[in-house]
Each structure stands twice: as structure tokens, then as C-alpha cells.
Amino acid sequence: MDSAERRIVAFTAGSHGLVHTYELSIPILLTVWVAEFSTTAAVLGLVVTLGYGLFGVGALPGGILVDRFGSKPLILACLGGMAGSFLLVSVAPNLLTLAVAIAVWGVTASVYHPAGLSLLSKSVAQRGTALGYHGIGGNLGIALGPLATALLLLAFDWRIVAAALTVPAVVVAAYGLTVDVGVTAPDTEEDADAATDADATGGTKGEISLSNIADDTRVLIAGGFLIVFAFVTFSGLYYRTFLTFLPDLLGDAIGGLIDVQLIDPDSPYAEEFDVGRYLYVAVLMVGVPGQYLGGRIADRMRPERGLLVVMSVLAVLALLFVPAGESTATFLAVSLLLGVALFTVQPLSQATVAAYSPSEARGISFGYTYLGIFGVGSLGAALAGAVLTRAGPRELFFVLAGIAALGALSAAAVARFAIRQD
């Protein structure tokens, strides 16, 4: 990568990390809001569901806006909107204002993935490696953001913490203003021939109309993008089904294997200490090398073939998860391997979306992608809860193995039937 490409990667990776920092700091703050606003967990759950729902549903219109106005303005708007929403959170006098603030976060954060991924896929020649670094930024936000929020709450009032969380977004946005995104890495000869015209418009169409949206969608469907969409939906289902109740599953399993006494049983913090939560953070952290691995694979082979292999590995690891609980060593090994493999999927999946969508419809393609991953994929939380309630962990991981197998079949179908656009 040259220096301009590295700046683009740094800008998008930092923005990606902040999106997930805000996303997962909300559950930490929930524990304070229940008492602060004299409400119930059920009511706050609805408030958070509103924000998370908009985060997923907004990806598609976000992708449309990216194709019309460009990625950088949308990313800057995302960062400004997220900072503004948490500033509103910090001064919220009542539950209604809090709900509005969380909804604003969901709307503004929803544009990030189509904007950031479209920018990377069109501006960096080493696409897979760039997507891997981008994913690493996201994983660091996923794991370290909630930890930082929890630690800040030990020393400061929650309103000060919410206001402090706006600072990183302002810093990254200020850096983004200095990043030049004018030079792009064309996907095809046709894109290269059109580069001069694209410079005049920022690579965008400059207008939004139903006919343009319909035309872009028809182009995607004609190239077999529906098969790609099927894959990303299965990957989103696996992601959400696996992670939603994982802290409890890890805590129950590891608690039956080892007795960790890092906290004095008589300490007021003893009830809050759960080794499963820390193993959960470890699973998220090993996603960092997983993201890097996925990016490197995407630069060395067709990403859809890599997905076929990795989804097959995820199916096998899901089948091994419960039997591995017979010993500490095997359980830790399988848990951490699941974390690596789960996040290896992301850069490979994103590289596949880029390969099977034309440059001029890249934003909407990632919009559909994250509608599938965060929208349809969110059903994985309900699926996991239902299976655990009616059956148990063993059955849940059988279901996960089935989802991964369907994902592997979808990846094979992409390689066989879809038409590459680059």
C-alpha cells in the first residue's frame, strides 16, 4: 500500500472500531439507566431494540446514499451523528429523550458499513489486506470499547462517561478531513476508462431516484448477487446465534471445569466476577488475527473459495464445542478456534461482495449485504434463545453446524453460478 491507501485504511478502521464501541457500550450503560430513569429492563430493551433495528435496516438506504454522494461525506456524517447522539444521551432528562438519542445513533451508524467498505474496495489495490485491517479495527472496538466504558464507570458518573465517548469520534472525523479519497483503484478496464469522469463527480451519480435504485438492483441480481446475499445472511445468522448467549455458555462450561478464585468470596465484587465474560472477551480478541488471516487469504485466492473452507471449519468446530467441554484444554482450544474462524469470514465475505458487484453499485451492494447480516441475521438471537429454552447447548450447536453447512453450500454456489464483476 502507498501512503494515501494507508491513510484511507487508518481512517476506515478507526471509524469501524468506533461504530462497534458505541454499539456495545450501550448494554454496559443499560445497567445504570434502569435505576436512573426508574424503568424496567423490558422498557429499556425496547429502546435499545429500536436503535439496533435502525442500525441494521438503515444499511440499505445508507448504501444508496453512498452511491449518490460518495463514501467520505457519509463516514464523516456517521461520526458526527454518533458523537451528537451520545452527547444527547449525556444530557437526556427522561426516557423519551434517551430513546430519541439511541435512535439517532442507529440511523447515523447504519451508513458506516456500506460507506467504509465501498471506499476500501474501490480505493485500495490490496483489497483483502485492507479489509482485514478494517476488520481488526472493528474487533478492537467490539472487545475494548465496552471494557473502557465499564472501567470509566468505576470512576465517573455515567453522564460524564457518555460525553467522554464523543471525543474519539471527533478526533477520527478531524483526521478524516485530511484523508484524500480522490484516487481509486479501478475494478475493471471499463472503470479505468471512466476514471476521468469519476473524478469530476467523486465516483457518484449525484442523484437519487427509484429508477436508479431499481436499475442498480437489477444489475446486481443479473450477476447472481442473490446467491451472495444468501451467503451473507447465513453468515450473519451464525454470528448472532453464536455470540448472543456465548458469555453464559462459556461461564457454565468453564465453571464446571475449573474453580477460579481471583476475587475474595467476601468482596462486594465477587458476585459481579464471571470468568465466562473474560473468556468471551478473549474469543473476541482472537478475532483480530482472524481478520488479518481472512484478509491475507482474500489476496491469495478467490474469496468465495476461502469462504467454502472456513464455513466448513465452523461447522466442524460447532459440532466439537459441547464434546470439548470434557476437559479444560480442549474446551479453551475449540472456543478460541471458533473466535478465529468466525472473524476470518468477515474480510473474505466483504471481498466476495466487492468481487460480485460493479463499482457503480458498490454502495447499494454493501447496503443489501448488511441488511442481510444485521437485519435478517438479528433473528439469530431469537433462534438461540428458543433453542436454549426448549432444548440445550448441544442442540444449539447442532443448529449452528447446520447454518454453517448452508453457508458453505452458498459459497460453493457463488463460485459456480454468480458472475464476477472484477
Protein backbone atom coordinates (compact mmCIF):
# COMPACT_ATOMS: atom_id res chain seq x y z
CA MET A 1 0.00 0.00 0.00
CA ASP A 2 1.14 3.56 -0.62
CA SER A 3 0.78 6.33 1.97
CA ALA A 4 -2.59 7.52 0.62
CA GLU A 5 -4.01 4.00 0.84
CA ARG A 6 -2.66 3.55 4.37
CA ARG A 7 -4.40 6.77 5.44
CA ILE A 8 -7.68 5.53 3.99
CA VAL A 9 -7.28 2.22 5.84
CA ALA A 10 -6.47 4.01 9.11
CA PHE A 11 -9.49 6.31 8.73
CA THR A 12 -11.94 3.50 7.98
CA ALA A 13 -10.51 1.09 10.58
CA GLY A 14 -10.76 3.78 13.26
CA SER A 15 -14.32 4.63 12.24
CA HIS A 16 -15.26 0.95 12.19
CA GLY A 17 -13.91 0.47 15.70
CA LEU A 18 -15.93 3.42 16.97
CA VAL A 19 -19.17 2.14 15.44
CA HIS A 20 -18.82 -1.06 17.45
CA THR A 21 -17.54 0.75 20.54
CA TYR A 22 -20.79 2.74 20.68
CA GLU A 23 -22.87 -0.30 19.74
CA LEU A 24 -21.55 -2.38 22.65
CA SER A 25 -21.18 0.41 25.21
CA ILE A 26 -24.98 0.72 25.22
CA PRO A 27 -25.52 -2.61 27.06
CA ILE A 28 -22.96 -1.52 29.68
CA LEU A 29 -24.82 1.75 30.24
CA LEU A 30 -28.15 -0.09 30.46
CA THR A 31 -27.24 -1.29 33.94
CA VAL A 32 -27.17 2.35 35.08
CA TRP A 33 -30.19 3.56 33.11
CA VAL A 34 -32.59 1.14 34.80
CA ALA A 35 -32.18 2.99 38.10
CA GLU A 36 -31.54 6.43 36.62
CA PHE A 37 -34.83 6.56 34.70
CA SER A 38 -36.88 4.46 37.15
CA THR A 39 -37.90 2.00 34.47
CA THR A 40 -37.68 -1.70 33.74
CA ALA A 41 -35.29 -3.82 31.73
CA ALA A 42 -38.16 -4.65 29.37
CA VAL A 43 -38.79 -1.00 28.52
CA LEU A 44 -35.10 -0.26 28.06
CA GLY A 45 -34.86 -3.38 25.93
CA LEU A 46 -37.42 -1.87 23.56
CA VAL A 47 -35.45 1.39 23.46
CA VAL A 48 -32.24 -0.44 22.55
CA THR A 49 -34.03 -2.66 20.05
CA LEU A 50 -35.19 0.49 18.27
CA GLY A 51 -31.61 1.70 17.91
CA TYR A 52 -30.20 -1.68 16.88
CA GLY A 53 -33.06 -2.23 14.44
CA LEU A 54 -32.38 1.09 12.72
CA PHE A 55 -28.68 0.18 12.67
CA GLY A 56 -29.49 -2.86 10.53
CA VAL A 57 -32.38 -1.56 8.42
CA GLY A 58 -30.62 1.71 7.64
CA ALA A 59 -27.76 -0.07 5.86
CA LEU A 60 -29.70 -0.32 2.59
CA PRO A 61 -30.68 3.36 2.27
CA GLY A 62 -27.16 4.11 3.51
CA GLY A 63 -25.73 2.17 0.59
CA ILE A 64 -27.95 4.08 -1.83
CA LEU A 65 -26.70 7.38 -0.41
CA VAL A 66 -23.09 6.22 -0.76
CA ASP A 67 -23.54 5.53 -4.48
CA ARG A 68 -25.01 9.02 -4.95
CA PHE A 69 -22.86 11.21 -2.70
CA GLY A 70 -19.65 9.27 -2.05
CA SER A 71 -18.22 7.42 0.93
CA LYS A 72 -16.20 10.08 2.75
CA PRO A 73 -19.10 12.53 3.36
CA LEU A 74 -21.22 9.65 4.68
CA ILE A 75 -18.48 8.41 7.03
CA LEU A 76 -17.96 11.94 8.38
CA ALA A 77 -21.72 12.31 8.85
CA CYS A 78 -21.76 8.95 10.64
CA LEU A 79 -19.00 10.02 13.06
CA GLY A 80 -20.65 13.38 13.71
CA GLY A 81 -24.05 11.77 14.19
CA MET A 82 -22.76 9.17 16.63
CA ALA A 83 -20.91 11.83 18.66
CA GLY A 84 -24.01 14.02 18.68
CA SER A 85 -26.25 11.14 19.75
CA PHE A 86 -24.05 10.27 22.73
CA LEU A 87 -23.82 13.94 23.66
CA LEU A 88 -27.62 13.91 23.72
CA VAL A 89 -27.51 10.73 25.81
CA SER A 90 -25.30 12.52 28.35
CA VAL A 91 -27.90 15.26 28.94
CA ALA A 92 -31.07 13.18 28.49
CA PRO A 93 -33.56 14.32 31.17
CA ASN A 94 -36.02 11.50 30.58
CA LEU A 95 -36.56 8.17 28.87
CA LEU A 96 -38.12 9.67 25.74
CA THR A 97 -35.04 11.81 25.08
CA LEU A 98 -32.83 8.77 25.68
CA ALA A 99 -34.88 6.79 23.14
CA VAL A 100 -34.50 9.57 20.57
CA ALA A 101 -30.74 9.67 21.18
CA ILE A 102 -30.36 5.90 20.73
CA ALA A 103 -32.48 6.05 17.58
CA VAL A 104 -30.26 8.82 16.20
CA TRP A 105 -27.23 6.62 16.91
CA GLY A 106 -28.84 3.73 14.99
CA VAL A 107 -29.68 5.86 11.95
CA THR A 108 -26.28 7.54 11.70
CA ALA A 109 -24.26 4.39 12.46
CA SER A 110 -26.19 2.41 9.84
CA VAL A 111 -24.48 4.18 6.94
CA TYR A 112 -20.99 3.24 8.04
CA HIS A 113 -20.58 -0.30 6.69
CA PRO A 114 -21.72 0.42 3.11
CA ALA A 115 -19.70 3.66 3.11
CA GLY A 116 -16.49 2.34 4.64
CA LEU A 117 -16.44 -0.94 2.74
CA SER A 118 -17.29 0.73 -0.56
CA LEU A 119 -14.42 3.18 -0.05
CA LEU A 120 -11.91 0.44 0.74
CA SER A 121 -12.99 -1.82 -2.09
CA LYS A 122 -12.61 0.98 -4.65
CA SER A 123 -9.59 2.85 -3.27
CA VAL A 124 -7.06 0.23 -2.14
CA ALA A 125 -5.40 -2.18 -4.56
CA GLN A 126 -4.67 -4.84 -1.89
CA ARG A 127 -8.38 -5.18 -1.15
CA GLY A 128 -8.23 -8.29 1.05
CA THR A 129 -5.45 -6.99 3.26
CA ALA A 130 -7.22 -3.63 3.64
CA LEU A 131 -10.46 -5.37 4.63
CA GLY A 132 -8.51 -7.45 7.15
CA TYR A 133 -7.08 -4.34 8.84
CA HIS A 134 -10.54 -2.77 8.72
CA GLY A 135 -11.93 -5.82 10.50
CA ILE A 136 -9.18 -5.64 13.11
CA GLY A 137 -10.31 -2.09 13.91
CA GLY A 138 -13.84 -3.37 14.34
CA ASN A 139 -12.76 -6.21 16.62
CA LEU A 140 -10.76 -3.86 18.81
CA GLY A 141 -13.86 -1.69 19.17
CA ILE A 142 -16.01 -4.75 19.93
CA ALA A 143 -13.69 -6.00 22.67
CA LEU A 144 -12.07 -2.89 24.13
CA GLY A 145 -14.91 -0.36 23.79
CA PRO A 146 -17.22 -1.98 26.36
CA LEU A 147 -14.24 -2.65 28.63
CA ALA A 148 -13.23 1.02 28.53
CA THR A 149 -16.83 2.08 29.23
CA ALA A 150 -17.06 -0.25 32.23
CA LEU A 151 -13.76 0.99 33.64
CA LEU A 152 -14.74 4.65 33.21
CA LEU A 153 -18.00 3.99 35.08
CA LEU A 154 -15.96 2.90 38.09
CA ALA A 155 -14.57 6.43 38.42
CA PHE A 156 -17.10 8.79 36.80
CA ASP A 157 -20.82 9.46 36.60
CA TRP A 158 -22.46 7.83 33.58
CA ARG A 159 -23.30 11.21 32.02
CA ILE A 160 -19.62 12.18 32.05
CA VAL A 161 -18.75 8.81 30.53
CA ALA A 162 -21.31 9.23 27.73
CA ALA A 163 -19.95 12.71 26.97
CA ALA A 164 -16.35 11.44 27.05
CA LEU A 165 -17.22 8.78 24.46
CA THR A 166 -17.89 11.54 21.93
CA VAL A 167 -14.25 12.65 21.92
CA PRO A 168 -12.77 9.75 19.87
CA ALA A 169 -15.36 10.29 17.12
CA VAL A 170 -14.43 13.97 16.87
CA VAL A 171 -10.73 13.05 16.67
CA VAL A 172 -11.24 10.44 13.93
CA ALA A 173 -13.51 12.80 11.98
CA ALA A 174 -10.85 15.53 12.16
CA TYR A 175 -8.30 13.04 10.82
CA GLY A 176 -10.74 12.01 8.09
CA LEU A 177 -10.93 15.57 6.82
CA THR A 178 -7.24 15.29 5.90
CA VAL A 179 -7.60 11.97 4.03
CA ASP A 180 -7.60 12.16 0.23
CA VAL A 181 -10.03 9.66 -1.31
CA GLY A 182 -9.92 11.08 -4.83
CA VAL A 183 -7.71 8.34 -6.32
CA THR A 184 -9.39 4.97 -6.67
CA ALA A 185 -8.19 1.52 -7.63
CA PRO A 186 -10.43 0.52 -10.59
CA ASP A 187 -12.02 -2.92 -10.63
CA THR A 188 -12.23 -3.29 -14.41
CA GLU A 189 -10.94 -1.75 -17.64
CA GLU A 190 -14.28 -0.01 -18.03
CA ASP A 191 -13.83 1.57 -14.60
CA ALA A 192 -10.35 2.74 -15.58
CA ASP A 193 -11.67 4.30 -18.80
CA ALA A 194 -14.28 6.15 -16.78
CA ALA A 195 -11.83 7.40 -14.14
CA THR A 196 -11.63 10.91 -15.59
CA ASP A 197 -15.40 11.34 -15.46
CA ALA A 198 -15.49 9.86 -11.96
CA ASP A 199 -13.01 12.42 -10.70
CA ALA A 200 -15.49 15.14 -11.58
CA THR A 201 -18.29 13.57 -9.59
CA GLY A 202 -16.41 11.72 -6.87
CA GLY A 203 -17.38 8.43 -8.49
CA THR A 204 -21.05 9.02 -7.69
CA LYS A 205 -24.21 9.52 -9.71
CA GLY A 206 -25.24 12.68 -7.88
CA GLU A 207 -28.96 11.91 -7.72
CA ILE A 208 -31.38 9.54 -6.05
CA SER A 209 -34.36 8.12 -7.89
CA LEU A 210 -36.41 4.95 -7.69
CA SER A 211 -35.46 4.13 -11.27
CA ASN A 212 -31.73 4.33 -10.47
CA ILE A 213 -32.18 2.16 -7.38
CA ALA A 214 -34.19 -0.35 -9.42
CA ASP A 215 -31.56 -0.33 -12.18
CA ASP A 216 -28.71 -0.95 -9.74
CA THR A 217 -30.68 -3.75 -8.09
CA ARG A 218 -31.41 -5.39 -11.46
CA VAL A 219 -27.71 -5.24 -12.34
CA LEU A 220 -26.85 -6.96 -9.06
CA ILE A 221 -29.50 -9.65 -9.49
CA ALA A 222 -28.46 -10.32 -13.10
CA GLY A 223 -24.93 -11.03 -11.89
CA GLY A 224 -26.11 -13.57 -9.33
CA PHE A 225 -25.91 -11.30 -6.29
CA LEU A 226 -28.90 -13.09 -4.75
CA ILE A 227 -26.59 -16.06 -4.11
CA VAL A 228 -24.08 -13.76 -2.44
CA PHE A 229 -26.92 -12.30 -0.36
CA ALA A 230 -27.94 -15.82 0.70
CA PHE A 231 -24.40 -16.46 1.91
CA VAL A 232 -24.06 -13.24 3.91
CA THR A 233 -27.44 -13.93 5.52
CA PHE A 234 -26.27 -17.36 6.70
CA SER A 235 -23.01 -15.85 7.96
CA GLY A 236 -24.99 -13.18 9.85
CA LEU A 237 -27.25 -15.82 11.39
CA TYR A 238 -24.22 -17.81 12.57
CA TYR A 239 -22.59 -14.69 14.01
CA ARG A 240 -25.61 -13.53 16.01
CA THR A 241 -26.73 -17.06 17.05
CA PHE A 242 -23.24 -17.89 18.30
CA LEU A 243 -22.41 -14.66 20.13
CA THR A 244 -25.71 -13.68 21.76
CA PHE A 245 -25.64 -16.17 24.64
CA LEU A 246 -21.96 -17.09 24.44
CA PRO A 247 -20.92 -15.43 27.75
CA ASP A 248 -23.43 -17.56 29.66
CA LEU A 249 -22.50 -20.71 27.74
CA LEU A 250 -18.79 -20.14 28.35
CA GLY A 251 -19.38 -19.38 32.02
CA ASP A 252 -21.45 -22.52 32.57
CA ALA A 253 -18.97 -24.74 30.75
CA ILE A 254 -15.73 -23.37 32.23
CA GLY A 255 -17.28 -23.18 35.70
CA GLY A 256 -17.71 -26.94 35.64
CA LEU A 257 -14.07 -27.45 34.71
CA ILE A 258 -12.05 -25.05 36.86
CA ASP A 259 -12.57 -23.07 40.04
CA VAL A 260 -11.20 -19.55 39.54
CA GLN A 261 -10.71 -17.61 42.78
CA LEU A 262 -9.22 -14.31 41.65
CA ILE A 263 -11.72 -12.37 43.77
CA ASP A 264 -12.15 -12.75 47.53
CA PRO A 265 -15.53 -14.50 48.04
CA ASP A 266 -16.36 -11.91 50.71
CA SER A 267 -15.58 -8.97 48.40
CA PRO A 268 -18.52 -6.84 47.18
CA TYR A 269 -17.25 -7.50 43.63
CA ALA A 270 -17.44 -11.28 43.99
CA GLU A 271 -20.97 -11.55 42.62
CA GLU A 272 -20.02 -9.46 39.58
CA PHE A 273 -16.99 -11.58 38.68
CA ASP A 274 -17.77 -14.12 35.98
CA VAL A 275 -14.86 -15.88 34.28
CA GLY A 276 -17.13 -16.54 31.28
CA ARG A 277 -17.21 -12.81 30.50
CA TYR A 278 -13.43 -12.66 30.32
CA LEU A 279 -13.22 -15.77 28.16
CA TYR A 280 -15.83 -14.10 25.94
CA VAL A 281 -13.53 -11.07 25.58
CA ALA A 282 -10.70 -13.47 24.70
CA VAL A 283 -12.84 -15.05 21.96
CA LEU A 284 -13.48 -11.58 20.54
CA MET A 285 -9.82 -10.61 20.78
CA VAL A 286 -8.58 -13.67 18.86
CA GLY A 287 -10.83 -12.37 16.10
CA VAL A 288 -8.05 -9.83 15.44
CA PRO A 289 -5.66 -12.42 13.93
CA GLY A 290 -8.72 -14.00 12.32
CA GLN A 291 -9.48 -10.76 10.48
CA TYR A 292 -5.85 -10.49 9.34
CA LEU A 293 -5.84 -14.11 8.20
CA GLY A 294 -9.06 -13.62 6.22
CA GLY A 295 -7.65 -10.55 4.52
CA ARG A 296 -4.45 -12.34 3.52
CA ILE A 297 -6.40 -15.31 2.16
CA ALA A 298 -8.60 -12.96 0.11
CA ASP A 299 -5.49 -11.54 -1.59
CA ARG A 300 -4.17 -15.01 -2.46
CA MET A 301 -7.19 -16.91 -3.70
CA ARG A 302 -10.76 -16.31 -4.82
CA PRO A 303 -12.53 -15.24 -1.61
CA GLU A 304 -15.62 -17.37 -2.22
CA ARG A 305 -13.42 -20.48 -2.21
CA GLY A 306 -11.88 -19.37 1.05
CA LEU A 307 -15.39 -18.97 2.47
CA LEU A 308 -16.28 -22.53 1.48
CA VAL A 309 -13.33 -23.79 3.54
CA VAL A 310 -13.85 -21.51 6.56
CA MET A 311 -17.61 -22.17 6.81
CA SER A 312 -16.88 -25.91 6.70
CA VAL A 313 -14.40 -25.41 9.55
CA LEU A 314 -17.06 -23.51 11.53
CA ALA A 315 -19.50 -26.39 11.06
CA VAL A 316 -16.94 -28.88 12.42
CA LEU A 317 -16.00 -26.65 15.37
CA ALA A 318 -19.69 -26.22 16.27
CA LEU A 319 -20.06 -29.99 16.45
CA LEU A 320 -16.95 -30.20 18.64
CA PHE A 321 -17.91 -27.43 21.09
CA VAL A 322 -20.01 -29.47 23.54
CA PRO A 323 -17.82 -32.65 23.49
CA ALA A 324 -14.77 -30.42 24.00
CA GLY A 325 -16.18 -29.47 27.40
CA GLU A 326 -14.86 -32.73 28.81
CA SER A 327 -11.50 -31.08 29.54
CA THR A 328 -10.25 -27.53 30.09
CA ALA A 329 -7.57 -27.68 27.38
CA THR A 330 -9.87 -28.92 24.61
CA PHE A 331 -12.65 -26.52 25.59
CA LEU A 332 -10.36 -23.49 25.52
CA ALA A 333 -8.83 -24.63 22.22
CA VAL A 334 -12.19 -25.08 20.47
CA SER A 335 -13.59 -21.83 21.90
CA LEU A 336 -10.63 -19.78 20.71
CA LEU A 337 -10.52 -21.50 17.31
CA LEU A 338 -14.19 -20.63 16.88
CA GLY A 339 -13.32 -16.99 17.56
CA VAL A 340 -10.54 -17.03 14.96
CA ALA A 341 -12.65 -18.77 12.30
CA LEU A 342 -15.75 -16.64 12.92
CA PHE A 343 -13.91 -13.41 12.21
CA THR A 344 -11.85 -14.86 9.37
CA VAL A 345 -15.16 -14.96 7.49
CA GLN A 346 -15.66 -11.17 7.51
CA PRO A 347 -12.91 -9.90 5.15
CA LEU A 348 -13.49 -12.89 2.86
CA SER A 349 -17.21 -12.12 2.77
CA GLN A 350 -16.63 -8.43 2.11
CA ALA A 351 -14.12 -9.21 -0.65
CA THR A 352 -16.70 -11.54 -2.23
CA VAL A 353 -19.36 -8.81 -2.20
CA ALA A 354 -16.91 -6.43 -3.87
CA ALA A 355 -15.92 -9.02 -6.49
CA TYR A 356 -19.54 -9.75 -7.44
CA SER A 357 -20.82 -6.16 -7.64
CA PRO A 358 -19.99 -3.45 -10.18
CA SER A 359 -18.14 -0.39 -8.93
CA GLU A 360 -21.05 1.98 -9.62
CA ALA A 361 -23.38 -0.13 -7.45
CA ARG A 362 -20.86 -0.94 -4.72
CA GLY A 363 -22.60 1.11 -2.05
CA ILE A 364 -26.02 -0.46 -2.54
CA SER A 365 -24.43 -3.92 -2.72
CA PHE A 366 -22.97 -3.43 0.77
CA GLY A 367 -26.29 -1.94 1.85
CA TYR A 368 -28.06 -5.17 0.89
CA THR A 369 -25.21 -7.13 2.49
CA TYR A 370 -25.59 -5.53 5.91
CA LEU A 371 -29.35 -5.65 5.69
CA GLY A 372 -28.83 -9.41 5.48
CA ILE A 373 -26.12 -9.61 8.15
CA PHE A 374 -27.57 -7.24 10.77
CA GLY A 375 -31.22 -7.30 9.70
CA VAL A 376 -32.09 -10.90 8.88
CA GLY A 377 -29.10 -12.08 10.91
CA SER A 378 -30.53 -10.49 14.05
CA LEU A 379 -33.09 -13.31 14.09
CA GLY A 380 -30.22 -15.47 15.31
CA ALA A 381 -30.65 -14.03 18.80
CA ALA A 382 -34.27 -15.20 18.95
CA LEU A 383 -33.29 -18.55 17.40
CA ALA A 384 -30.58 -19.11 20.02
CA GLY A 385 -32.92 -18.18 22.86
CA ALA A 386 -35.64 -20.51 21.60
CA VAL A 387 -33.29 -23.47 21.17
CA LEU A 388 -31.68 -22.98 24.59
CA THR A 389 -35.10 -22.66 26.23
CA ARG A 390 -36.65 -25.71 24.57
CA ALA A 391 -33.56 -27.91 24.34
CA GLY A 392 -29.99 -27.01 25.36
CA PRO A 393 -26.46 -26.09 24.31
CA ARG A 394 -25.84 -29.34 22.43
CA GLU A 395 -28.85 -28.75 20.19
CA LEU A 396 -27.89 -25.11 19.72
CA PHE A 397 -24.50 -26.09 18.33
CA PHE A 398 -26.14 -28.66 16.05
CA VAL A 399 -28.21 -25.78 14.68
CA LEU A 400 -25.04 -23.69 14.27
CA ALA A 401 -23.37 -26.52 12.38
CA GLY A 402 -26.39 -26.65 10.05
CA ILE A 403 -26.25 -22.90 9.43
CA ALA A 404 -22.52 -23.11 8.67
CA ALA A 405 -23.12 -26.01 6.27
CA LEU A 406 -25.74 -23.96 4.42
CA GLY A 407 -23.26 -21.10 4.30
CA ALA A 408 -20.62 -23.37 2.79
CA LEU A 409 -23.10 -24.56 0.16
CA SER A 410 -23.98 -20.93 -0.63
CA ALA A 411 -20.29 -20.07 -1.04
CA ALA A 412 -19.92 -23.00 -3.43
CA ALA A 413 -22.96 -21.78 -5.37
CA VAL A 414 -21.43 -18.30 -5.65
CA ALA A 415 -18.29 -19.77 -7.19
CA ARG A 416 -20.34 -21.91 -9.56
CA PHE A 417 -23.22 -19.70 -10.69
CA ALA A 418 -22.57 -16.00 -9.93
CA ILE A 419 -20.73 -13.68 -12.34
CA ARG A 420 -17.63 -11.86 -11.12
CA GLN A 421 -17.63 -8.13 -11.84
CA ASP A 422 -13.87 -7.51 -11.42
